[in-house]
Amino acid sequence: MKSSPFFKKPENLLLTMAFIMPLVFSVWMVLLNNFVVEKAAFTGVEIGILQSLREVPGFLAFTVIYVLLFIKEQRLAIVSLAITSIGVAITGFFPQVIGLYLTTVLMSIGFHYFETVNQSLTLQWIEKQKAAHFMGRILSIKAIASLLAYASVWLLMDLFHISYQITYLLFGGLGLVLTIVLANAFKQFPPITEQSKKFILKKRYWLYYALTFFSGARRQIFVVFAGFLMVEKFHYSVAQISALFLINYVFNWLFAAKIGKLIGHFGERSVLIFEYIGLAILFISYALVENSTIAASLYVIDHLFFALAIAIKTYFQKIANPEDIASTAGISFTINHIAAVVIPVLLGIVWINNPAWVFYCGAGFAICSLTLSLLIPKNPMKGNEFSYSKETKRVV
């Protein structure tokens, strides 16, 4: 099998792993709320604790650099994919509070370590000129896998009345089998640059860190509050929310790769400026919208804007020391999850008083990001990280 040309290209390994992860994780996510309420009698308290526990491994993603002292990145990606699959497979066998907390943490450790290492390998293996388009292709592959997962869950549970336990086991087991096949089919690709095994926090990467933080904050407003607005204000049913998710994934499938190609053509600065102006308008529109159809349109457009965030990663790829990529990938996930831990709690208090102000805060985050994006030079590279830096005045 390893003799096939397909298994000799690292980009094919990245694309295959990008399919397996959402195939497994989407099933865990789509079944979670119903499962914990019906089988474990969760209240808002328990689900809140579970979601907080799920974010802890993301907050601790910087520790991946210490794990890499003992295992190579490619192998860690495979192991993390297997851990995620095992966590999902056994979820249905523990319909109790503590059991669900433990299986969630196990699944989340695999998920966040995988995402961290996968981002690192992508930035290392894919050429800078092709990275944006390739990351768009990955988003398209993820969308296909998620669509397949949602459709399969609907068939199994609504038409054939398969239990939660069997559904979790089936998809987790499938993910584990595919991961084992993957591990044996692809050779171990040698590192292009030996990665630093130290905790790295560099002053010249500060703009990347700041953009990553505000990207995490913006994501929380979409994930937590935009969907909640659809239900609370516009009384969208489960079926209607599911339809919105399906539309979002279809759009990603069709357009994410094209968006990636546009990033490569127009450059990170222009794309991010466009994104943040658009997001500011979107968030203000969320605050003011009174029509359910317009709100749904905003929700779909909002999701499509996520593909533009590829530009933050390709900006870092262009300015980074090659040996810093693995360490900084872990740090960026931790920075992203600072927002995930803090923003929902603080803005949840704001929501109780006035939901519109949550989205005005989102517009404020977008304006902060816009201000930061103006500092990105037209041709970012090592030594040309910021448009105002002394050594780059001649270039920008």
Protein backbone atom coordinates (compact mmCIF):
# COMPACT_ATOMS: atom_id res chain seq x y z
CA MET A 1 0.00 0.00 0.00
CA LYS A 2 2.84 2.40 0.86
CA SER A 3 4.18 1.95 -2.67
CA SER A 4 1.18 3.83 -4.10
CA PRO A 5 2.04 7.43 -5.11
CA PHE A 6 -0.95 8.68 -3.07
CA PHE A 7 0.66 7.56 0.19
CA LYS A 8 3.99 9.22 -0.58
CA LYS A 9 2.68 12.79 -0.43
CA PRO A 10 2.37 14.51 2.98
CA GLU A 11 -0.45 16.73 1.74
CA ASN A 12 -2.59 13.62 1.17
CA LEU A 13 -2.01 12.57 4.77
CA LEU A 14 -3.18 16.01 5.93
CA LEU A 15 -6.30 15.85 3.76
CA THR A 16 -7.16 12.31 4.92
CA MET A 17 -6.75 13.21 8.59
CA ALA A 18 -8.82 16.35 7.96
CA PHE A 19 -11.66 14.08 6.82
CA ILE A 20 -11.52 11.60 9.71
CA MET A 21 -11.50 14.12 12.57
CA PRO A 22 -14.77 15.98 11.74
CA LEU A 23 -16.45 12.70 10.76
CA VAL A 24 -15.96 11.52 14.35
CA PHE A 25 -16.18 14.82 16.23
CA SER A 26 -19.34 16.03 14.46
CA VAL A 27 -21.21 12.94 15.66
CA TRP A 28 -20.12 13.60 19.26
CA MET A 29 -21.20 17.23 18.99
CA VAL A 30 -24.56 16.76 17.28
CA LEU A 31 -25.70 14.08 19.76
CA LEU A 32 -24.32 15.68 22.91
CA ASN A 33 -27.19 17.86 24.16
CA ASN A 34 -29.88 15.26 23.59
CA PHE A 35 -27.76 12.46 25.04
CA VAL A 36 -26.80 14.22 28.28
CA VAL A 37 -30.38 15.35 28.93
CA GLU A 38 -32.14 12.10 28.04
CA LYS A 39 -29.64 9.63 29.50
CA ALA A 40 -27.81 11.53 32.26
CA ALA A 41 -30.48 14.08 33.30
CA PHE A 42 -28.09 17.00 32.86
CA THR A 43 -29.20 20.48 33.88
CA GLY A 44 -27.60 23.76 32.82
CA VAL A 45 -25.07 23.39 35.63
CA GLU A 46 -23.70 20.03 34.45
CA ILE A 47 -23.62 20.97 30.75
CA GLY A 48 -21.82 24.21 31.64
CA ILE A 49 -19.18 22.27 33.59
CA LEU A 50 -18.82 19.75 30.77
CA GLN A 51 -18.29 22.48 28.16
CA SER A 52 -15.73 24.20 30.41
CA LEU A 53 -13.87 20.91 30.89
CA ARG A 54 -13.91 20.42 27.11
CA GLU A 55 -12.06 23.71 26.64
CA VAL A 56 -9.33 23.00 29.23
CA PRO A 57 -7.16 20.85 26.88
CA GLY A 58 -7.34 23.65 24.33
CA PHE A 59 -6.19 26.14 26.93
CA LEU A 60 -3.29 23.78 27.73
CA ALA A 61 -2.38 23.18 24.07
CA PHE A 62 1.03 24.80 24.61
CA THR A 63 2.05 21.61 26.47
CA VAL A 64 2.23 19.84 23.10
CA ILE A 65 5.81 21.07 22.79
CA TYR A 66 6.80 18.96 25.81
CA VAL A 67 5.06 15.89 24.39
CA LEU A 68 7.11 16.34 21.22
CA LEU A 69 10.21 15.64 23.28
CA PHE A 70 9.10 11.98 23.26
CA ILE A 71 7.17 11.53 20.01
CA LYS A 72 7.42 12.94 16.49
CA GLU A 73 4.72 15.33 15.26
CA GLN A 74 3.31 13.06 12.56
CA ARG A 75 2.99 10.18 15.01
CA LEU A 76 1.43 12.46 17.64
CA ALA A 77 -1.19 13.56 15.10
CA ILE A 78 -2.10 9.92 14.46
CA VAL A 79 -2.17 9.07 18.19
CA SER A 80 -4.32 12.14 18.91
CA LEU A 81 -6.75 11.12 16.17
CA ALA A 82 -6.97 7.66 17.74
CA ILE A 83 -7.57 9.11 21.24
CA THR A 84 -10.41 11.27 19.89
CA SER A 85 -11.98 8.25 18.21
CA ILE A 86 -11.72 6.16 21.40
CA GLY A 87 -13.24 8.99 23.46
CA VAL A 88 -16.22 9.21 21.11
CA ALA A 89 -16.60 5.40 20.84
CA ILE A 90 -16.95 4.92 24.62
CA THR A 91 -19.13 7.98 25.30
CA GLY A 92 -22.38 6.02 25.07
CA PHE A 93 -21.23 3.53 27.70
CA PHE A 94 -20.96 6.19 30.43
CA PRO A 95 -24.34 7.93 30.73
CA GLN A 96 -23.49 9.38 34.15
CA VAL A 97 -22.19 12.79 35.12
CA ILE A 98 -18.64 11.77 36.06
CA GLY A 99 -18.40 9.30 33.18
CA LEU A 100 -19.38 11.97 30.66
CA TYR A 101 -16.92 14.45 32.14
CA LEU A 102 -14.10 11.90 31.82
CA THR A 103 -14.93 10.78 28.27
CA THR A 104 -15.29 14.43 27.22
CA VAL A 105 -11.85 15.31 28.57
CA LEU A 106 -10.33 12.25 26.85
CA MET A 107 -11.94 13.15 23.54
CA SER A 108 -10.93 16.80 23.93
CA ILE A 109 -7.27 16.00 24.66
CA GLY A 110 -7.10 14.08 21.39
CA PHE A 111 -9.02 16.76 19.48
CA HIS A 112 -6.96 19.74 20.64
CA TYR A 113 -3.58 18.03 20.37
CA PHE A 114 -4.52 16.89 16.88
CA GLU A 115 -5.63 20.35 15.77
CA THR A 116 -2.45 21.90 17.17
CA VAL A 117 -0.08 19.41 15.53
CA ASN A 118 -2.08 19.34 12.30
CA GLN A 119 -1.79 23.12 11.96
CA SER A 120 1.95 22.87 12.61
CA LEU A 121 2.47 20.15 10.01
CA THR A 122 0.43 22.05 7.43
CA LEU A 123 2.55 25.18 7.84
CA GLN A 124 5.73 23.10 7.66
CA TRP A 125 4.86 20.79 4.76
CA ILE A 126 2.92 23.09 2.42
CA GLU A 127 4.75 25.75 0.44
CA LYS A 128 3.94 29.35 1.35
CA GLN A 129 2.59 30.12 -2.12
CA LYS A 130 0.14 27.20 -1.92
CA ALA A 131 -0.75 27.26 1.80
CA ALA A 132 -3.88 29.45 1.67
CA HIS A 133 -5.47 27.44 -1.14
CA PHE A 134 -4.55 24.18 0.56
CA MET A 135 -6.10 25.28 3.87
CA GLY A 136 -9.24 26.16 1.94
CA ARG A 137 -9.25 22.62 0.53
CA ILE A 138 -8.95 21.28 4.08
CA LEU A 139 -12.03 23.30 5.11
CA SER A 140 -13.90 21.84 2.13
CA ILE A 141 -12.90 18.30 3.15
CA LYS A 142 -14.00 18.98 6.73
CA ALA A 143 -17.36 20.25 5.46
CA ILE A 144 -17.91 17.08 3.41
CA ALA A 145 -17.08 14.91 6.44
CA SER A 146 -19.44 16.87 8.69
CA LEU A 147 -22.26 16.67 6.14
CA LEU A 148 -21.73 12.92 5.89
CA ALA A 149 -21.76 12.61 9.69
CA TYR A 150 -24.98 14.60 10.11
CA ALA A 151 -26.73 12.70 7.33
CA SER A 152 -25.62 9.35 8.78
CA VAL A 153 -26.81 10.24 12.29
CA TRP A 154 -30.19 11.23 10.89
CA LEU A 155 -30.48 7.95 8.98
CA LEU A 156 -29.36 5.78 11.89
CA MET A 157 -31.34 7.42 14.67
CA ASP A 158 -34.46 8.81 13.00
CA LEU A 159 -35.11 6.13 10.40
CA PHE A 160 -33.53 3.02 11.96
CA HIS A 161 -33.81 4.05 15.64
CA ILE A 162 -30.26 3.01 16.50
CA SER A 163 -29.32 3.82 20.11
CA TYR A 164 -26.94 6.56 21.22
CA GLN A 165 -24.55 3.90 22.49
CA ILE A 166 -24.32 2.09 19.16
CA THR A 167 -24.09 5.33 17.15
CA TYR A 168 -21.18 6.65 19.24
CA LEU A 169 -19.47 3.25 19.11
CA LEU A 170 -19.98 2.93 15.36
CA PHE A 171 -18.45 6.28 14.42
CA GLY A 172 -15.73 6.20 17.07
CA GLY A 173 -14.82 2.67 15.99
CA LEU A 174 -14.84 3.69 12.32
CA GLY A 175 -12.54 6.61 13.11
CA LEU A 176 -10.16 4.32 15.00
CA VAL A 177 -10.04 1.76 12.17
CA LEU A 178 -9.40 4.48 9.58
CA THR A 179 -6.66 5.95 11.79
CA ILE A 180 -4.93 2.56 12.10
CA VAL A 181 -5.11 2.14 8.31
CA LEU A 182 -3.68 5.64 7.94
CA ALA A 183 -0.79 4.92 10.30
CA ASN A 184 0.21 1.86 8.28
CA ALA A 185 -0.42 3.30 4.82
CA PHE A 186 1.63 6.49 5.03
CA LYS A 187 5.36 6.49 5.59
CA GLN A 188 6.98 8.65 8.25
CA PHE A 189 7.84 11.88 6.46
CA PRO A 190 11.13 13.46 7.56
CA PRO A 191 10.84 16.96 9.07
CA ILE A 192 11.79 19.75 6.68
CA THR A 193 13.15 21.72 9.63
CA GLU A 194 13.88 20.29 13.08
CA GLN A 195 11.40 21.92 15.44
CA SER A 196 12.41 23.70 18.62
CA LYS A 197 11.36 21.78 21.75
CA LYS A 198 11.20 24.89 23.92
CA PHE A 199 8.36 27.15 25.00
CA ILE A 200 8.67 30.08 22.58
CA LEU A 201 7.02 33.47 23.06
CA LYS A 202 8.65 36.05 20.80
CA LYS A 203 8.12 39.78 20.70
CA ARG A 204 8.15 39.88 16.90
CA TYR A 205 5.18 37.50 16.78
CA TRP A 206 3.01 39.78 18.95
CA LEU A 207 0.74 40.80 16.06
CA TYR A 208 0.00 37.15 15.28
CA TYR A 209 -0.78 36.50 18.96
CA ALA A 210 -3.14 39.51 19.10
CA LEU A 211 -4.97 38.55 15.89
CA THR A 212 -5.34 35.00 17.22
CA PHE A 213 -6.84 36.22 20.51
CA PHE A 214 -9.47 38.39 18.84
CA SER A 215 -10.23 35.60 16.35
CA GLY A 216 -11.00 33.35 19.33
CA ALA A 217 -13.23 36.03 20.86
CA ARG A 218 -15.15 36.46 17.58
CA ARG A 219 -15.60 32.70 17.28
CA GLN A 220 -17.17 32.48 20.73
CA ILE A 221 -19.75 35.14 19.87
CA PHE A 222 -20.75 33.15 16.79
CA VAL A 223 -20.72 29.71 18.43
CA VAL A 224 -22.38 30.68 21.71
CA PHE A 225 -24.56 33.71 21.04
CA ALA A 226 -25.47 33.85 17.33
CA GLY A 227 -27.11 30.41 17.45
CA PHE A 228 -28.77 31.27 20.77
CA LEU A 229 -30.23 34.41 19.15
CA MET A 230 -31.86 32.24 16.48
CA VAL A 231 -33.60 30.16 19.12
CA GLU A 232 -34.45 32.74 21.79
CA LYS A 233 -35.49 35.70 19.63
CA PHE A 234 -36.67 34.03 16.42
CA HIS A 235 -37.83 30.68 17.87
CA TYR A 236 -35.98 28.52 15.37
CA SER A 237 -36.68 24.81 15.85
CA VAL A 238 -34.05 22.07 16.07
CA ALA A 239 -34.79 21.16 12.46
CA GLN A 240 -34.33 24.77 11.32
CA ILE A 241 -31.04 25.17 13.22
CA SER A 242 -29.87 21.89 11.72
CA ALA A 243 -30.78 23.19 8.27
CA LEU A 244 -28.66 26.31 8.90
CA PHE A 245 -25.72 24.11 9.87
CA LEU A 246 -26.16 22.07 6.70
CA ILE A 247 -26.25 25.24 4.58
CA ASN A 248 -23.06 26.44 6.30
CA TYR A 249 -21.23 23.21 5.54
CA VAL A 250 -22.44 23.15 1.94
CA PHE A 251 -21.11 26.69 1.50
CA ASN A 252 -17.76 25.68 3.00
CA TRP A 253 -17.62 22.65 0.74
CA LEU A 254 -18.29 24.76 -2.35
CA PHE A 255 -16.37 27.94 -1.61
CA ALA A 256 -13.65 27.40 1.05
CA ALA A 257 -10.97 26.31 -1.43
CA LYS A 258 -11.81 29.26 -3.69
CA ILE A 259 -11.56 31.63 -0.72
CA GLY A 260 -8.15 30.16 0.10
CA LYS A 261 -7.03 30.84 -3.46
CA LEU A 262 -8.25 34.45 -3.18
CA ILE A 263 -6.17 34.91 -0.02
CA GLY A 264 -3.12 33.78 -1.96
CA HIS A 265 -3.98 36.27 -4.73
CA PHE A 266 -4.88 39.40 -2.72
CA GLY A 267 -2.63 38.86 0.30
CA GLU A 268 -3.28 38.58 4.01
CA ARG A 269 -3.54 42.31 4.73
CA SER A 270 -6.29 43.02 2.18
CA VAL A 271 -8.28 39.89 3.03
CA LEU A 272 -8.22 40.51 6.79
CA ILE A 273 -9.20 44.17 6.36
CA PHE A 274 -12.16 43.02 4.25
CA GLU A 275 -13.07 40.34 6.81
CA TYR A 276 -13.08 42.65 9.82
CA ILE A 277 -15.03 45.42 8.11
CA GLY A 278 -17.56 42.76 7.11
CA LEU A 279 -17.68 41.33 10.63
CA ALA A 280 -18.26 44.74 12.21
CA ILE A 281 -21.23 45.24 9.87
CA LEU A 282 -22.46 41.68 10.59
CA PHE A 283 -22.35 42.08 14.37
CA ILE A 284 -24.16 45.43 14.26
CA SER A 285 -26.76 43.80 12.01
CA TYR A 286 -27.20 40.96 14.55
CA ALA A 287 -27.90 43.59 17.21
CA LEU A 288 -30.54 45.34 15.11
CA VAL A 289 -32.16 42.53 13.10
CA GLU A 290 -35.88 41.90 13.57
CA ASN A 291 -36.56 39.57 10.64
CA SER A 292 -35.90 35.83 11.07
CA THR A 293 -34.95 35.26 7.42
CA ILE A 294 -32.44 38.13 7.45
CA ALA A 295 -31.05 36.77 10.74
CA ALA A 296 -30.55 33.35 9.14
CA SER A 297 -28.78 34.98 6.19
CA LEU A 298 -26.45 36.79 8.59
CA TYR A 299 -25.73 33.47 10.31
CA VAL A 300 -24.71 31.80 7.04
CA ILE A 301 -22.57 34.76 5.90
CA ASP A 302 -20.95 34.88 9.35
CA HIS A 303 -19.93 31.23 9.08
CA LEU A 304 -18.53 31.74 5.60
CA PHE A 305 -16.26 34.49 6.96
CA PHE A 306 -14.45 31.87 9.07
CA ALA A 307 -12.60 30.72 5.95
CA LEU A 308 -10.97 34.14 5.68
CA ALA A 309 -9.21 33.51 9.03
CA ILE A 310 -6.83 31.26 7.06
CA ALA A 311 -4.99 34.52 6.36
CA ILE A 312 -3.86 34.76 10.00
CA LYS A 313 -2.13 31.37 9.72
CA THR A 314 -0.49 32.13 6.39
CA TYR A 315 0.69 35.50 7.76
CA PHE A 316 2.45 33.65 10.57
CA GLN A 317 3.91 31.09 8.14
CA LYS A 318 5.52 33.91 6.17
CA ILE A 319 7.09 35.71 9.16
CA ALA A 320 8.08 32.73 11.33
CA ASN A 321 11.36 30.99 11.83
CA PRO A 322 10.67 27.51 10.41
CA GLU A 323 11.81 25.86 13.67
CA ASP A 324 9.28 27.91 15.71
CA ILE A 325 6.15 26.61 13.98
CA ALA A 326 5.32 23.65 16.26
CA SER A 327 5.84 25.56 19.50
CA THR A 328 3.92 28.60 18.30
CA ALA A 329 1.02 26.45 17.08
CA GLY A 330 0.52 25.24 20.64
CA ILE A 331 0.79 28.75 22.05
CA SER A 332 -1.71 30.09 19.50
CA PHE A 333 -4.29 27.47 20.53
CA THR A 334 -3.81 28.47 24.16
CA ILE A 335 -4.24 32.16 23.31
CA ASN A 336 -7.34 31.33 21.27
CA HIS A 337 -8.81 29.44 24.21
CA ILE A 338 -8.23 32.26 26.69
CA ALA A 339 -11.13 33.91 24.87
CA ALA A 340 -13.10 30.63 24.91
CA VAL A 341 -12.87 30.45 28.69
CA VAL A 342 -13.55 34.12 29.48
CA ILE A 343 -15.84 35.54 26.78
CA PRO A 344 -18.96 33.30 27.19
CA VAL A 345 -19.13 33.95 30.93
CA LEU A 346 -18.69 37.72 30.75
CA LEU A 347 -20.95 38.25 27.74
CA GLY A 348 -23.52 35.85 29.21
CA ILE A 349 -24.00 38.42 31.98
CA VAL A 350 -24.32 41.17 29.36
CA TRP A 351 -26.87 39.05 27.44
CA ILE A 352 -29.20 38.88 30.45
CA ASN A 353 -29.40 42.67 30.52
CA ASN A 354 -29.42 43.41 26.78
CA PRO A 355 -28.62 40.83 24.06
CA ALA A 356 -27.89 43.54 21.49
CA TRP A 357 -24.89 44.73 23.50
CA VAL A 358 -23.24 41.31 23.09
CA PHE A 359 -23.12 41.90 19.35
CA TYR A 360 -21.99 45.50 19.78
CA CYS A 361 -19.10 44.03 21.79
CA GLY A 362 -18.48 41.69 18.84
CA ALA A 363 -18.35 44.71 16.54
CA GLY A 364 -15.82 46.23 18.95
CA PHE A 365 -13.69 43.06 18.71
CA ALA A 366 -13.90 43.27 14.91
CA ILE A 367 -12.73 46.91 14.97
CA CYS A 368 -9.81 45.94 17.23
CA SER A 369 -8.90 43.21 14.73
CA LEU A 370 -9.26 45.68 11.85
CA THR A 371 -6.85 48.07 13.57
CA LEU A 372 -4.34 45.24 14.03
CA SER A 373 -4.71 44.06 10.43
CA LEU A 374 -3.69 47.52 9.20
CA LEU A 375 -0.26 46.80 10.71
CA ILE A 376 0.29 43.79 8.45
CA PRO A 377 2.69 44.70 5.61
CA LYS A 378 1.72 44.00 2.02
CA ASN A 379 4.58 41.51 1.75
CA PRO A 380 5.00 39.91 5.19
CA MET A 381 8.20 37.95 5.76
CA LYS A 382 10.85 37.41 8.38
CA GLY A 383 12.17 40.89 9.23
CA ASN A 384 9.05 42.46 7.68
CA GLU A 385 6.44 41.58 10.29
CA PHE A 386 4.78 44.97 10.88
CA SER A 387 4.11 47.87 8.59
CA TYR A 388 5.57 50.35 11.07
CA SER A 389 8.81 48.52 12.00
CA LYS A 390 12.03 50.44 11.30
CA GLU A 391 13.57 47.74 9.19
CA THR A 392 10.51 47.53 6.91
CA LYS A 393 9.80 51.16 6.07
CA ARG A 394 11.55 50.74 2.73
CA VAL A 395 9.48 47.65 1.87
CA VAL A 396 5.94 48.63 2.81
